[in-house]
């Protein structure tokens, strides 16, 4: 049985809620629920009685959980005694980064991080493809979208609105659309993954969703290239506001139809296990949160995004 699963069990017992336990442990509810199921399966007994309104200890739970808590305290103290200097920031960081955010923002931030912590070494995997932590030999991944696998652990960095972007020169030549129905005549710049071209764009406004099948001459599996095409005035692109932030703040590109919002996403720092959440990873999480918040505030101050990003 994993120690991490037992920590989840104790938190569920403390809060009498899987959701509250997950929040306390900075993980998704599905991850905490999976950990609890694994622990109960290993013990061959249900530790909690679940009803539609509440969760309480079973008879087995009342006997097991107090002793389990004492045992974990002893194990944690033994680990601290064994490893003097546990919080030393050193070792190799093997991180997967998306092409656009990775190259243009995360890598400079990682350079600063390594300057501040000279005992850290770095290996990067830059790709927009889905990451397999074992096949690709990475320990952490900075990715858009929350992890869908309940066995993964992650830290949410921030909310990330997507924006419809183009250059003023492109709009001057081709017209500035005011409604999604006007987009079909424009050249779309598309992201492509596993031979699937994402050329159907969705927007929401006033509770109504619009789906537009776009046409265009440019598609790539590299998000950074899509951004470069957009900055070069080749057409319209739906992109993360973080990816486009420098271009938006400089005025090289503008946000089109701001009332019609593309689907928003989230930025997460994802780990394959709790053992991979080292002091260095926690410091990275804090750095990513701080730097992304600075960018989002700048975009908000210039009226490019609204304050819903901070909710």
Protein backbone atom coordinates (compact mmCIF):
# COMPACT_ATOMS: atom_id res chain seq x y z
CA UNK A 1 0.00 0.00 0.00
CA UNK A 2 1.32 3.48 -0.90
CA UNK A 3 2.04 5.90 1.94
CA UNK A 4 0.51 8.64 -0.19
CA UNK A 5 -2.77 6.72 -0.24
CA UNK A 6 -2.75 6.48 3.54
CA UNK A 7 -2.22 10.23 3.78
CA UNK A 8 -5.36 10.67 1.69
CA UNK A 9 -7.25 8.29 4.00
CA UNK A 10 -6.25 10.36 7.04
CA UNK A 11 -7.32 13.61 5.39
CA UNK A 12 -10.68 12.12 4.39
CA UNK A 13 -11.15 11.02 8.00
CA UNK A 14 -10.21 14.49 9.21
CA UNK A 15 -12.57 16.41 6.92
CA UNK A 16 -15.26 13.71 6.45
CA UNK A 17 -15.15 14.70 2.79
CA UNK A 18 -13.14 13.45 -0.19
CA UNK A 19 -13.42 16.83 -1.90
CA UNK A 20 -12.18 18.75 1.15
CA UNK A 21 -9.34 16.25 1.62
CA UNK A 22 -8.30 16.70 -2.02
CA UNK A 23 -8.30 20.48 -1.65
CA UNK A 24 -6.17 20.24 1.50
CA UNK A 25 -3.66 17.99 -0.29
CA UNK A 26 -3.64 20.16 -3.42
CA UNK A 27 -4.90 17.38 -5.68
CA UNK A 28 -7.98 16.66 -7.76
CA UNK A 29 -11.01 14.98 -6.16
CA UNK A 30 -10.74 12.08 -8.62
CA UNK A 31 -7.14 11.47 -7.55
CA UNK A 32 -8.10 11.41 -3.85
CA UNK A 33 -11.04 9.11 -4.55
CA UNK A 34 -8.79 6.68 -6.46
CA UNK A 35 -6.27 6.69 -3.59
CA UNK A 36 -9.01 5.89 -1.06
CA UNK A 37 -10.28 3.01 -3.21
CA UNK A 38 -6.76 1.57 -3.51
CA UNK A 39 -6.24 1.72 0.26
CA UNK A 40 -9.56 0.00 1.00
CA UNK A 41 -8.86 -2.66 -1.63
CA UNK A 42 -5.43 -3.36 -0.09
CA UNK A 43 -6.97 -3.68 3.38
CA UNK A 44 -9.95 -5.70 2.20
CA UNK A 45 -12.34 -3.50 4.17
CA UNK A 46 -14.28 -0.28 3.74
CA UNK A 47 -12.97 2.44 6.04
CA UNK A 48 -15.93 4.79 5.53
CA UNK A 49 -19.68 4.50 5.30
CA UNK A 50 -20.85 6.62 2.38
CA UNK A 51 -24.32 8.10 2.06
CA UNK A 52 -25.67 10.76 -0.27
CA UNK A 53 -25.25 13.45 2.39
CA UNK A 54 -22.29 12.45 4.52
CA UNK A 55 -19.28 10.23 4.98
CA UNK A 56 -18.43 8.66 8.34
CA UNK A 57 -15.98 6.10 9.70
CA UNK A 58 -16.96 2.46 9.52
CA UNK A 59 -16.21 0.10 12.40
CA UNK A 60 -13.05 -0.98 10.59
CA UNK A 61 -12.10 2.65 10.06
CA UNK A 62 -12.55 3.50 13.72
CA UNK A 63 -10.05 0.75 14.61
CA UNK A 64 -7.56 1.30 11.83
CA UNK A 65 -7.25 5.04 11.23
CA UNK A 66 -5.99 6.22 14.68
CA UNK A 67 -3.15 3.68 14.61
CA UNK A 68 -2.47 4.46 10.96
CA UNK A 69 -2.04 8.14 11.84
CA UNK A 70 0.45 7.33 14.61
CA UNK A 71 2.42 5.06 12.27
CA UNK A 72 2.69 7.71 9.58
CA UNK A 73 3.95 10.25 12.09
CA UNK A 74 6.68 7.81 13.13
CA UNK A 75 7.63 7.11 9.51
CA UNK A 76 7.83 10.82 8.69
CA UNK A 77 10.05 11.46 11.69
CA UNK A 78 12.28 8.54 10.71
CA UNK A 79 12.64 9.98 7.22
CA UNK A 80 13.56 13.39 8.61
CA UNK A 81 16.13 11.81 10.91
CA UNK A 82 17.62 9.83 8.04
CA UNK A 83 17.89 12.70 5.56
CA UNK A 84 19.45 15.74 7.10
CA UNK A 85 18.95 18.63 4.76
CA UNK A 86 15.83 17.18 3.15
CA UNK A 87 14.85 20.57 1.72
CA UNK A 88 18.07 20.99 -0.23
CA UNK A 89 17.27 22.19 -3.72
CA UNK A 90 19.44 20.05 -5.96
CA UNK A 91 19.34 17.21 -8.45
CA UNK A 92 18.15 16.90 -12.02
CA UNK A 93 14.91 18.44 -13.24
CA UNK A 94 13.42 16.60 -16.23
CA UNK A 95 10.53 18.76 -17.40
CA UNK A 96 8.21 18.63 -20.41
CA UNK A 97 7.10 21.98 -21.81
CA UNK A 98 4.69 23.03 -24.53
CA UNK A 99 6.41 24.57 -27.54
CA UNK A 100 5.17 28.15 -27.29
CA UNK A 101 4.97 28.79 -23.55
CA UNK A 102 8.06 26.63 -23.02
CA UNK A 103 10.39 28.36 -25.45
CA UNK A 104 9.30 31.94 -24.92
CA UNK A 105 8.55 32.07 -21.19
CA UNK A 106 9.28 28.92 -19.17
CA UNK A 107 12.86 28.43 -20.38
CA UNK A 108 13.98 31.96 -19.35
CA UNK A 109 12.27 31.41 -16.00
CA UNK A 110 14.06 28.08 -15.59
CA UNK A 111 17.40 29.80 -16.36
CA UNK A 112 16.74 32.22 -13.50
CA UNK A 113 15.76 29.32 -11.25
CA UNK A 114 19.02 27.50 -11.97
CA UNK A 115 21.04 30.67 -11.38
CA UNK A 116 19.40 30.89 -7.95
CA UNK A 117 19.94 27.16 -7.27
CA UNK A 118 23.28 26.17 -8.85
CA UNK A 119 23.03 22.53 -7.70
CA UNK A 120 20.06 21.95 -10.03
CA UNK A 121 20.57 20.53 -13.53
CA UNK A 122 17.96 20.63 -16.27
CA UNK A 123 16.68 18.40 -19.07
CA UNK A 124 13.78 19.64 -21.18
CA UNK A 125 11.33 17.94 -23.52
CA UNK A 126 9.68 20.60 -25.70
CA UNK A 127 6.64 19.33 -27.59
CA UNK A 128 2.91 19.92 -27.86
CA UNK A 129 2.25 16.17 -28.01
CA UNK A 130 0.79 14.27 -25.07
CA UNK A 131 3.43 13.23 -22.56
CA UNK A 132 3.99 9.70 -21.29
CA UNK A 133 6.06 10.18 -18.14
CA UNK A 134 7.77 6.81 -18.44
CA UNK A 135 8.26 6.62 -22.20
CA UNK A 136 9.51 10.22 -22.43
CA UNK A 137 11.68 10.07 -19.27
CA UNK A 138 10.32 13.23 -17.64
CA UNK A 139 9.49 13.92 -14.01
CA UNK A 140 7.15 16.92 -14.36
CA UNK A 141 5.21 18.61 -17.14
CA UNK A 142 3.91 22.16 -17.53
CA UNK A 143 0.75 21.68 -19.57
CA UNK A 144 -2.51 23.37 -20.52
CA UNK A 145 -5.54 21.50 -19.18
CA UNK A 146 -6.03 19.62 -15.91
CA UNK A 147 -4.71 16.04 -15.80
CA UNK A 148 -7.33 13.52 -16.91
CA UNK A 149 -5.59 10.52 -15.29
CA UNK A 150 -6.64 10.12 -11.65
CA UNK A 151 -3.26 8.56 -10.86
CA UNK A 152 -1.39 11.76 -11.72
CA UNK A 153 -0.73 14.57 -9.28
CA UNK A 154 -0.75 18.21 -10.17
CA UNK A 155 -0.69 21.83 -9.09
CA UNK A 156 -2.96 24.32 -10.82
CA UNK A 157 -0.91 27.35 -11.80
CA UNK A 158 -3.62 29.67 -13.14
CA UNK A 159 -6.70 30.11 -15.28
CA UNK A 160 -5.87 30.87 -18.92
CA UNK A 161 -8.37 32.56 -21.25
CA UNK A 162 -8.01 31.83 -24.96
CA UNK A 163 -8.28 34.75 -27.38
CA UNK A 164 -8.96 35.21 -31.08
CA UNK A 165 -5.96 37.12 -32.38
CA UNK A 166 -4.74 38.82 -35.56
CA UNK A 167 -2.46 41.69 -36.55
CA UNK A 168 -3.85 45.18 -37.24
CA UNK A 169 -2.37 44.89 -40.77
CA UNK A 170 -4.29 41.66 -41.49
CA UNK A 171 -7.54 43.21 -40.21
CA UNK A 172 -6.97 46.38 -42.23
CA UNK A 173 -6.62 44.33 -45.39
CA UNK A 174 -9.29 41.68 -44.72
CA UNK A 175 -11.76 43.38 -42.41
CA UNK A 176 -12.33 42.98 -38.68
CA UNK A 177 -15.04 40.40 -37.88
CA UNK A 178 -17.64 41.43 -35.32
CA UNK A 179 -19.50 38.11 -35.01
CA UNK A 180 -18.48 34.42 -35.28
CA UNK A 181 -20.64 34.06 -38.40
CA UNK A 182 -18.25 36.44 -40.18
CA UNK A 183 -15.20 34.22 -39.56
CA UNK A 184 -15.73 31.66 -42.31
CA UNK A 185 -14.35 34.02 -44.98
CA UNK A 186 -11.07 34.52 -43.08
CA UNK A 187 -7.86 32.47 -43.18
CA UNK A 188 -7.58 30.33 -40.05
CA UNK A 189 -4.25 29.31 -38.54
CA UNK A 190 -4.71 25.85 -37.08
CA UNK A 191 -3.14 23.61 -34.46
CA UNK A 192 -2.86 19.99 -35.58
CA UNK A 193 -2.27 16.94 -33.37
CA UNK A 194 -2.09 13.30 -34.50
CA UNK A 195 -3.27 14.31 -37.98
CA UNK A 196 -6.38 15.95 -36.51
CA UNK A 197 -6.68 19.60 -37.51
CA UNK A 198 -8.49 21.73 -34.95
CA UNK A 199 -10.38 23.85 -37.46
CA UNK A 200 -13.74 24.04 -35.69
CA UNK A 201 -13.68 27.00 -33.35
CA UNK A 202 -16.18 27.47 -30.52
CA UNK A 203 -17.20 30.78 -28.92
CA UNK A 204 -19.68 31.63 -26.18
CA UNK A 205 -21.61 34.85 -25.59
CA UNK A 206 -24.59 35.49 -23.34
CA UNK A 207 -25.14 31.80 -22.73
CA UNK A 208 -25.12 30.95 -26.44
CA UNK A 209 -22.38 28.84 -28.02
CA UNK A 210 -21.27 29.26 -31.61
CA UNK A 211 -19.29 26.61 -33.49
CA UNK A 212 -17.62 27.74 -36.70
CA UNK A 213 -15.97 25.46 -39.25
CA UNK A 214 -12.99 27.49 -40.41
CA UNK A 215 -10.96 27.36 -43.59
CA UNK A 216 -7.27 28.09 -43.89
CA UNK A 217 -3.99 27.31 -45.60
CA UNK A 218 -1.80 26.93 -42.50
CA UNK A 219 -1.71 24.09 -39.93
CA UNK A 220 1.05 22.83 -37.62
CA UNK A 221 1.61 20.54 -34.64
CA UNK A 222 3.81 23.29 -33.16
CA UNK A 223 1.91 25.97 -31.26
CA UNK A 224 4.84 28.37 -31.48
CA UNK A 225 4.71 28.23 -35.27
CA UNK A 226 0.98 29.02 -35.22
CA UNK A 227 1.76 32.09 -33.10
CA UNK A 228 4.53 33.16 -35.50
CA UNK A 229 2.15 32.90 -38.45
CA UNK A 230 -0.34 35.05 -36.59
CA UNK A 231 2.28 37.71 -35.74
CA UNK A 232 3.37 37.67 -39.40
CA UNK A 233 -0.17 38.62 -40.45
CA UNK A 234 -1.06 35.32 -42.14
CA UNK A 235 -4.53 35.03 -40.59
CA UNK A 236 -6.56 34.51 -37.40
CA UNK A 237 -5.53 32.23 -34.54
CA UNK A 238 -7.20 31.10 -31.32
CA UNK A 239 -4.39 31.05 -28.78
CA UNK A 240 -3.71 31.11 -25.06
CA UNK A 241 -3.45 34.65 -23.74
CA UNK A 242 -0.17 33.65 -22.06
CA UNK A 243 1.34 32.47 -25.35
CA UNK A 244 0.32 35.72 -27.07
CA UNK A 245 0.91 38.04 -24.12
CA UNK A 246 4.09 39.77 -25.35
CA UNK A 247 2.53 40.36 -28.79
CA UNK A 248 -0.74 41.60 -27.27
CA UNK A 249 0.99 43.95 -24.83
CA UNK A 250 3.19 45.40 -27.59
CA UNK A 251 0.25 45.88 -29.95
CA UNK A 252 1.65 43.55 -32.61
CA UNK A 253 -1.58 41.57 -32.42
CA UNK A 254 -5.01 42.46 -31.07
CA UNK A 255 -7.85 40.54 -29.43
CA UNK A 256 -10.77 40.29 -31.88
CA UNK A 257 -14.46 39.99 -30.88
CA UNK A 258 -13.69 40.13 -27.13
CA UNK A 259 -17.37 39.66 -26.25
CA UNK A 260 -17.32 36.22 -27.94
CA UNK A 261 -15.05 34.07 -25.83
CA UNK A 262 -13.22 30.92 -26.99
CA UNK A 263 -13.06 28.08 -24.49
CA UNK A 264 -10.77 28.90 -21.59
CA UNK A 265 -8.24 26.47 -20.17
CA UNK A 266 -5.97 26.11 -17.14
CA UNK A 267 -2.22 25.78 -16.73
CA UNK A 268 -1.04 22.87 -14.55
CA UNK A 269 2.27 21.54 -13.30
CA UNK A 270 1.77 17.77 -13.45
CA UNK A 271 3.71 14.99 -11.68
CA UNK A 272 3.45 11.21 -12.12
CA UNK A 273 3.57 10.53 -8.35
CA UNK A 274 3.80 12.29 -5.02
CA UNK A 275 7.40 11.07 -4.69
CA UNK A 276 8.31 13.33 -7.61
CA UNK A 277 7.07 16.44 -5.74
CA UNK A 278 10.46 17.52 -4.40
CA UNK A 279 11.37 20.84 -2.76
CA UNK A 280 12.63 21.98 -6.18
CA UNK A 281 9.27 21.15 -7.79
CA UNK A 282 7.39 23.09 -5.11
CA UNK A 283 9.65 26.10 -5.68
CA UNK A 284 9.06 25.80 -9.42
CA UNK A 285 5.31 25.74 -8.81
CA UNK A 286 5.53 28.95 -6.79
CA UNK A 287 7.71 30.62 -9.44
CA UNK A 288 5.35 29.66 -12.28
CA UNK A 289 2.35 30.94 -10.30
CA UNK A 290 4.06 34.24 -9.52
CA UNK A 291 5.29 34.90 -13.07
CA UNK A 292 2.02 33.92 -14.73
CA UNK A 293 0.07 36.14 -12.33
CA UNK A 294 2.26 39.10 -13.29
CA UNK A 295 1.49 38.53 -16.99
CA UNK A 296 -2.24 38.09 -16.40
CA UNK A 297 -2.37 41.31 -14.36
CA UNK A 298 -0.64 43.22 -17.17
CA UNK A 299 -3.16 41.89 -19.69
CA UNK A 300 -6.00 42.82 -17.33
CA UNK A 301 -4.66 46.34 -16.73
CA UNK A 302 -4.65 46.96 -20.50
CA UNK A 303 -8.20 45.67 -20.83
CA UNK A 304 -7.18 42.66 -22.92
CA UNK A 305 -8.74 40.12 -20.50
CA UNK A 306 -11.41 40.56 -17.85
CA UNK A 307 -11.19 39.84 -14.12
CA UNK A 308 -12.84 36.42 -14.41
CA UNK A 309 -9.34 34.99 -14.86
CA UNK A 310 -8.64 35.64 -11.17
CA UNK A 311 -11.75 33.84 -9.90
